[in-house]
């Protein structure tokens, strides 16, 4: 049994704990939090053993799941690495790129894996993309959320947009070139609404928008390739594919015909279909990925380097908004 200790049992940490307790091959060795009430609640509701301190948690555990506030990721993460523990750290990896780089460097020197909690990588809709070979030329992302005081101590770029920045970087497979961004603070002194245009040397362009003062929730990603359009609804977990095949060739059995068009001298039959994806809770899959990486010795699916790339782009966007 792999003994995993959980640091942080607030709203998100409690969700982590629920899954950890149900997973095969896992023993929750202890839970810890600086808030005595949160710790007491976790122990009472989940019957999880409480650790008296971080050091106690490290001694009990083979690995650490870090779900404390972002401002503490560097300090707690460095202490976990110093104790020789593989680490799953919620996104963003740290409050600043410099802190994250030092954490990743320390883990690399110690030969310890770090996985970053970019949960949308495990979203059912995004996993369905694995059935395609699309090379997007244009990406449009919208992530809107109603007002929630949790997480507003940082710009919406770090709180919400960073999810889509990680997905864009994953799909691009390249480092961004030019970045143009705008944003405003409406409810807080920080940035509550932001939009960024990210241009890659490959020609790919991504427009990414995030807001935390919307009247409704939206988590959508649209990809435009040379001959296809793919709409991902990350909230519903659906992946809709619109493409074309040469007229006269059979369509996929589950496809809906949309008519014929002329494209670059070819007669194409357009069709639409929803790409199936296996069921699975994204957070559960993320935690299983962390477990499997430790057991197998393979690199985590979302590495510390991945977390750093997303954070670096987020910082670049905020600097652009601030005019620096």
Protein backbone atom coordinates (compact mmCIF):
# COMPACT_ATOMS: atom_id res chain seq x y z
CA UNK A 1 0.00 0.00 0.00
CA UNK A 2 1.27 3.43 -0.96
CA UNK A 3 0.95 5.75 2.02
CA UNK A 4 -0.15 9.21 0.93
CA UNK A 5 -0.37 12.13 3.33
CA UNK A 6 -2.73 15.02 2.61
CA UNK A 7 -1.67 18.57 3.46
CA UNK A 8 -4.69 20.84 3.39
CA UNK A 9 -8.26 19.68 4.06
CA UNK A 10 -10.31 22.73 3.07
CA UNK A 11 -12.94 22.65 0.33
CA UNK A 12 -10.71 21.16 -2.38
CA UNK A 13 -8.59 19.11 0.02
CA UNK A 14 -11.72 17.38 1.30
CA UNK A 15 -12.56 16.34 -2.25
CA UNK A 16 -9.05 14.92 -2.62
CA UNK A 17 -9.46 13.06 0.66
CA UNK A 18 -12.76 11.45 -0.36
CA UNK A 19 -11.16 9.98 -3.48
CA UNK A 20 -7.94 8.92 -1.78
CA UNK A 21 -9.89 6.92 0.78
CA UNK A 22 -11.68 5.02 -2.01
CA UNK A 23 -8.66 4.27 -4.21
CA UNK A 24 -7.04 0.86 -4.59
CA UNK A 25 -3.44 0.59 -3.49
CA UNK A 26 -3.65 3.74 -1.35
CA UNK A 27 -3.59 4.23 2.38
CA UNK A 28 -4.23 7.74 3.72
CA UNK A 29 -1.42 7.93 6.24
CA UNK A 30 -2.54 11.22 7.73
CA UNK A 31 -4.12 14.62 7.15
CA UNK A 32 -2.84 18.00 8.27
CA UNK A 33 -4.05 21.59 8.15
CA UNK A 34 -3.13 24.85 9.86
CA UNK A 35 -6.85 25.38 10.58
CA UNK A 36 -7.81 23.26 13.63
CA UNK A 37 -11.51 23.36 12.71
CA UNK A 38 -10.90 22.13 9.17
CA UNK A 39 -8.67 19.36 10.50
CA UNK A 40 -11.23 18.36 13.12
CA UNK A 41 -13.98 18.24 10.50
CA UNK A 42 -11.92 16.04 8.16
CA UNK A 43 -11.05 13.63 10.96
CA UNK A 44 -14.67 13.43 12.12
CA UNK A 45 -16.34 13.12 8.72
CA UNK A 46 -13.82 10.91 6.95
CA UNK A 47 -12.34 9.02 9.91
CA UNK A 48 -8.89 10.00 8.65
CA UNK A 49 -5.90 9.99 11.02
CA UNK A 50 -4.67 13.46 11.98
CA UNK A 51 -0.98 14.36 11.84
CA UNK A 52 0.25 16.60 14.62
CA UNK A 53 2.59 18.56 12.33
CA UNK A 54 4.00 18.62 8.81
CA UNK A 55 7.02 16.67 10.02
CA UNK A 56 4.71 14.06 11.52
CA UNK A 57 2.83 13.88 8.19
CA UNK A 58 6.10 13.40 6.29
CA UNK A 59 7.24 10.62 8.64
CA UNK A 60 3.95 8.76 8.18
CA UNK A 61 3.88 9.03 4.38
CA UNK A 62 5.52 7.74 1.20
CA UNK A 63 4.20 10.72 -0.80
CA UNK A 64 2.42 14.01 -0.21
CA UNK A 65 -0.72 15.48 -1.77
CA UNK A 66 -0.43 19.26 -1.31
CA UNK A 67 -3.74 21.17 -1.34
CA UNK A 68 -2.85 24.17 0.81
CA UNK A 69 -3.26 27.81 -0.39
CA UNK A 70 -1.04 28.74 -3.33
CA UNK A 71 0.98 31.16 -1.21
CA UNK A 72 2.22 28.19 0.86
CA UNK A 73 3.05 25.80 -2.00
CA UNK A 74 6.72 26.78 -2.11
CA UNK A 75 7.42 26.47 1.61
CA UNK A 76 5.45 23.26 2.17
CA UNK A 77 6.61 21.76 -1.13
CA UNK A 78 10.27 22.41 -0.38
CA UNK A 79 9.88 20.82 3.04
CA UNK A 80 8.26 17.76 1.45
CA UNK A 81 11.07 17.46 -1.09
CA UNK A 82 13.68 17.86 1.67
CA UNK A 83 11.95 14.96 3.42
CA UNK A 84 12.31 12.85 0.26
CA UNK A 85 8.62 12.71 -0.66
CA UNK A 86 7.11 12.66 -4.19
CA UNK A 87 4.66 15.51 -4.48
CA UNK A 88 1.29 16.23 -6.05
CA UNK A 89 0.72 19.98 -5.82
CA UNK A 90 -2.47 21.77 -6.80
CA UNK A 91 -2.30 24.38 -9.55
CA UNK A 92 -0.67 26.81 -9.87
CA UNK A 93 2.52 25.05 -8.87
CA UNK A 94 3.63 28.05 -6.80
CA UNK A 95 2.73 31.71 -6.32
CA UNK A 96 5.56 32.81 -8.64
CA UNK A 97 7.59 31.28 -11.43
CA UNK A 98 10.83 31.78 -9.46
CA UNK A 99 9.44 29.80 -6.53
CA UNK A 100 8.17 27.05 -8.84
CA UNK A 101 11.51 26.81 -10.64
CA UNK A 102 13.35 26.37 -7.33
CA UNK A 103 10.88 23.69 -6.24
CA UNK A 104 11.19 21.74 -9.50
CA UNK A 105 14.98 22.06 -9.43
CA UNK A 106 15.13 20.75 -5.86
CA UNK A 107 12.89 17.79 -6.75
CA UNK A 108 14.98 16.99 -9.84
CA UNK A 109 18.18 17.00 -7.77
CA UNK A 110 16.56 14.63 -5.30
CA UNK A 111 15.16 12.40 -8.05
CA UNK A 112 11.58 12.99 -6.87
CA UNK A 113 8.55 13.34 -9.17
CA UNK A 114 6.28 16.36 -8.98
CA UNK A 115 2.81 16.26 -10.50
CA UNK A 116 0.83 19.48 -10.85
CA UNK A 117 -2.96 19.49 -10.44
CA UNK A 118 -4.02 20.76 -13.85
CA UNK A 119 -7.20 18.74 -13.63
CA UNK A 120 -8.62 19.60 -17.05
CA UNK A 121 -6.03 17.31 -18.65
CA UNK A 122 -8.13 14.50 -17.22
CA UNK A 123 -11.47 15.95 -18.31
CA UNK A 124 -13.56 13.51 -20.32
CA UNK A 125 -13.92 15.97 -23.22
CA UNK A 126 -10.18 16.62 -23.45
CA UNK A 127 -9.38 12.92 -23.26
CA UNK A 128 -11.71 12.33 -26.21
CA UNK A 129 -9.35 14.42 -28.35
CA UNK A 130 -6.92 11.50 -28.25
CA UNK A 131 -9.03 9.90 -31.00
CA UNK A 132 -8.15 12.70 -33.43
CA UNK A 133 -4.99 13.89 -35.12
CA UNK A 134 -6.07 17.50 -35.28
CA UNK A 135 -3.36 20.14 -35.52
CA UNK A 136 -5.22 23.26 -34.45
CA UNK A 137 -4.59 26.50 -36.31
CA UNK A 138 -6.83 28.56 -34.07
CA UNK A 139 -8.04 27.94 -30.49
CA UNK A 140 -10.74 29.82 -28.63
CA UNK A 141 -11.24 29.26 -24.90
CA UNK A 142 -13.88 30.70 -22.56
CA UNK A 143 -13.93 30.06 -18.83
CA UNK A 144 -16.61 32.00 -16.95
CA UNK A 145 -17.70 31.59 -13.35
CA UNK A 146 -20.10 33.34 -10.97
CA UNK A 147 -18.57 35.38 -8.17
CA UNK A 148 -17.01 33.30 -5.39
CA UNK A 149 -14.80 34.92 -2.73
CA UNK A 150 -12.57 31.83 -2.66
CA UNK A 151 -9.40 32.39 -4.69
CA UNK A 152 -9.84 36.13 -5.29
CA UNK A 153 -6.56 37.00 -3.58
CA UNK A 154 -4.91 36.54 -7.02
CA UNK A 155 -5.75 37.64 -10.55
CA UNK A 156 -8.30 35.55 -12.45
CA UNK A 157 -5.44 34.60 -14.78
CA UNK A 158 -3.86 32.51 -12.00
CA UNK A 159 -7.16 31.26 -10.58
CA UNK A 160 -9.17 30.28 -13.67
CA UNK A 161 -7.42 31.10 -16.94
CA UNK A 162 -4.37 29.00 -16.05
CA UNK A 163 -6.44 25.84 -16.68
CA UNK A 164 -6.87 26.81 -20.32
CA UNK A 165 -3.31 28.07 -20.65
CA UNK A 166 -2.11 24.57 -19.76
CA UNK A 167 -4.45 23.03 -22.35
CA UNK A 168 -3.38 25.50 -25.05
CA UNK A 169 0.31 24.82 -24.37
CA UNK A 170 -0.34 21.07 -24.45
CA UNK A 171 -2.11 21.31 -27.81
CA UNK A 172 0.42 23.74 -29.27
CA UNK A 173 3.46 21.65 -28.46
CA UNK A 174 5.53 24.84 -28.71
CA UNK A 175 6.49 27.90 -26.70
CA UNK A 176 4.45 31.07 -27.29
CA UNK A 177 5.80 33.99 -29.29
CA UNK A 178 3.79 37.19 -29.01
CA UNK A 179 1.28 37.69 -26.20
CA UNK A 180 -1.31 40.47 -26.14
CA UNK A 181 -3.62 40.81 -23.14
CA UNK A 182 -6.19 43.06 -21.54
CA UNK A 183 -7.99 42.84 -18.23
CA UNK A 184 -9.80 44.83 -15.57
CA UNK A 185 -10.67 44.61 -11.91
CA UNK A 186 -14.40 45.02 -11.36
CA UNK A 187 -15.07 43.67 -7.87
CA UNK A 188 -11.52 43.41 -6.54
CA UNK A 189 -8.34 45.45 -6.92
CA UNK A 190 -6.90 42.58 -8.93
CA UNK A 191 -7.88 41.41 -12.44
CA UNK A 192 -11.38 39.88 -12.50
CA UNK A 193 -11.86 39.66 -16.27
CA UNK A 194 -9.03 38.96 -18.69
CA UNK A 195 -8.52 38.10 -22.32
CA UNK A 196 -5.29 37.11 -24.03
CA UNK A 197 -4.22 36.53 -27.63
CA UNK A 198 -1.33 34.07 -27.75
CA UNK A 199 0.61 33.66 -30.98
CA UNK A 200 2.94 30.73 -31.61
CA UNK A 201 5.84 30.52 -34.09
CA UNK A 202 4.01 27.63 -35.78
CA UNK A 203 1.22 30.00 -36.83
CA UNK A 204 -1.23 28.81 -34.19
CA UNK A 205 -3.22 31.58 -32.52
CA UNK A 206 -5.17 31.14 -29.27
CA UNK A 207 -7.70 33.58 -27.83
CA UNK A 208 -8.32 32.86 -24.14
CA UNK A 209 -10.93 34.60 -21.96
CA UNK A 210 -11.63 34.19 -18.25
CA UNK A 211 -14.06 35.92 -15.90
CA UNK A 212 -15.06 35.30 -12.30
CA UNK A 213 -18.05 37.70 -12.26
CA UNK A 214 -20.27 35.98 -14.82
CA UNK A 215 -23.94 35.15 -14.31
CA UNK A 216 -23.38 31.62 -15.58
CA UNK A 217 -20.68 28.97 -15.73
CA UNK A 218 -18.89 28.19 -18.97
CA UNK A 219 -15.84 26.02 -19.69
CA UNK A 220 -15.52 25.68 -23.44
CA UNK A 221 -12.65 25.12 -25.83
CA UNK A 222 -12.98 25.37 -29.61
CA UNK A 223 -10.33 24.11 -32.02
CA UNK A 224 -10.14 24.96 -35.70
CA UNK A 225 -7.94 22.78 -37.91
CA UNK A 226 -7.42 22.70 -41.65
CA UNK A 227 -10.50 20.57 -42.30
CA UNK A 228 -12.15 20.19 -38.91
CA UNK A 229 -13.81 22.08 -36.10
CA UNK A 230 -13.92 20.58 -32.62
CA UNK A 231 -15.99 21.98 -29.75
CA UNK A 232 -15.17 20.81 -26.24
CA UNK A 233 -17.62 21.51 -23.44
CA UNK A 234 -15.49 20.82 -20.40
CA UNK A 235 -18.42 21.37 -18.07
CA UNK A 236 -20.57 18.72 -19.77
CA UNK A 237 -17.65 16.51 -20.77
CA UNK A 238 -18.59 16.42 -24.48
CA UNK A 239 -16.41 16.61 -27.58
CA UNK A 240 -18.21 17.52 -30.83
CA UNK A 241 -16.31 16.95 -34.08
CA UNK A 242 -17.25 18.57 -37.41
CA UNK A 243 -15.17 17.42 -40.36
CA UNK A 244 -15.23 16.37 -43.94
CA UNK A 245 -14.39 13.37 -46.04
CA UNK A 246 -14.13 13.05 -49.81
CA UNK A 247 -17.57 12.84 -51.36
CA UNK A 248 -18.52 9.26 -52.11
CA UNK A 249 -16.54 7.79 -49.24
CA UNK A 250 -18.55 6.35 -46.33
CA UNK A 251 -19.07 8.50 -43.26
CA UNK A 252 -18.38 7.19 -39.74
CA UNK A 253 -21.34 5.05 -38.62
CA UNK A 254 -22.36 7.50 -35.86
CA UNK A 255 -21.97 10.63 -38.02
CA UNK A 256 -24.69 13.13 -38.96
CA UNK A 257 -24.38 14.35 -42.59
CA UNK A 258 -24.24 18.14 -43.00
CA UNK A 259 -24.04 18.46 -46.78
CA UNK A 260 -21.30 18.85 -49.39
CA UNK A 261 -18.86 21.73 -49.91
CA UNK A 262 -16.00 22.63 -52.22
CA UNK A 263 -12.66 23.00 -50.41
CA UNK A 264 -9.32 23.58 -52.16
CA UNK A 265 -10.62 21.97 -55.33
CA UNK A 266 -12.05 18.93 -53.52
CA UNK A 267 -15.64 17.84 -53.05
CA UNK A 268 -16.07 17.16 -49.36
CA UNK A 269 -18.97 15.66 -47.48
CA UNK A 270 -19.34 17.41 -44.12
CA UNK A 271 -20.44 15.48 -41.05
CA UNK A 272 -20.79 15.93 -37.32
CA UNK A 273 -20.29 13.40 -34.57
CA UNK A 274 -19.68 13.35 -30.82
CA UNK A 275 -16.41 11.64 -29.97
CA UNK A 276 -16.93 9.14 -27.15
CA UNK A 277 -14.69 9.25 -24.13
CA UNK A 278 -14.49 6.78 -21.26
CA UNK A 279 -16.28 7.79 -18.09
CA UNK A 280 -14.21 8.81 -15.11
CA UNK A 281 -14.07 11.57 -12.52
CA UNK A 282 -11.25 13.94 -13.49
CA UNK A 283 -9.97 14.39 -9.94
CA UNK A 284 -10.01 10.66 -9.33
CA UNK A 285 -8.05 10.09 -12.54
CA UNK A 286 -5.55 12.78 -11.56
CA UNK A 287 -4.91 11.10 -8.20
CA UNK A 288 -4.65 7.67 -9.82
CA UNK A 289 -2.12 9.11 -12.26
CA UNK A 290 -0.03 10.34 -9.33
CA UNK A 291 -0.20 6.93 -7.67
CA UNK A 292 0.73 5.12 -10.88
CA UNK A 293 3.67 7.43 -11.58
CA UNK A 294 5.16 6.70 -8.17
CA UNK A 295 4.60 2.94 -8.42
CA UNK A 296 5.86 2.62 -12.01
CA UNK A 297 8.64 5.19 -11.85
CA UNK A 298 7.35 6.79 -15.05
CA UNK A 299 7.12 10.59 -15.39
CA UNK A 300 3.86 12.14 -14.13
CA UNK A 301 1.28 12.93 -16.78
CA UNK A 302 1.37 16.61 -15.76
CA UNK A 303 4.95 17.31 -14.68
CA UNK A 304 6.47 20.10 -12.67
CA UNK A 305 7.88 21.46 -15.93
CA UNK A 306 4.34 21.57 -17.36
CA UNK A 307 3.17 23.51 -14.33
CA UNK A 308 6.04 25.96 -14.75
CA UNK A 309 5.20 26.58 -18.43
CA UNK A 310 1.59 27.42 -17.57
CA UNK A 311 2.65 29.68 -14.69
CA UNK A 312 5.23 31.48 -16.84
CA UNK A 313 2.57 32.23 -19.46
CA UNK A 314 0.12 33.38 -16.78
CA UNK A 315 2.72 35.78 -15.35
CA UNK A 316 3.46 37.07 -18.84
CA UNK A 317 -0.22 37.80 -19.43
CA UNK A 318 -0.57 39.64 -16.11
CA UNK A 319 2.52 41.74 -16.88
CA UNK A 320 1.01 42.61 -20.26
CA UNK A 321 -2.23 43.68 -18.59
CA UNK A 322 -0.35 45.79 -16.07
CA UNK A 323 1.63 47.41 -18.86
CA UNK A 324 5.04 46.17 -17.75
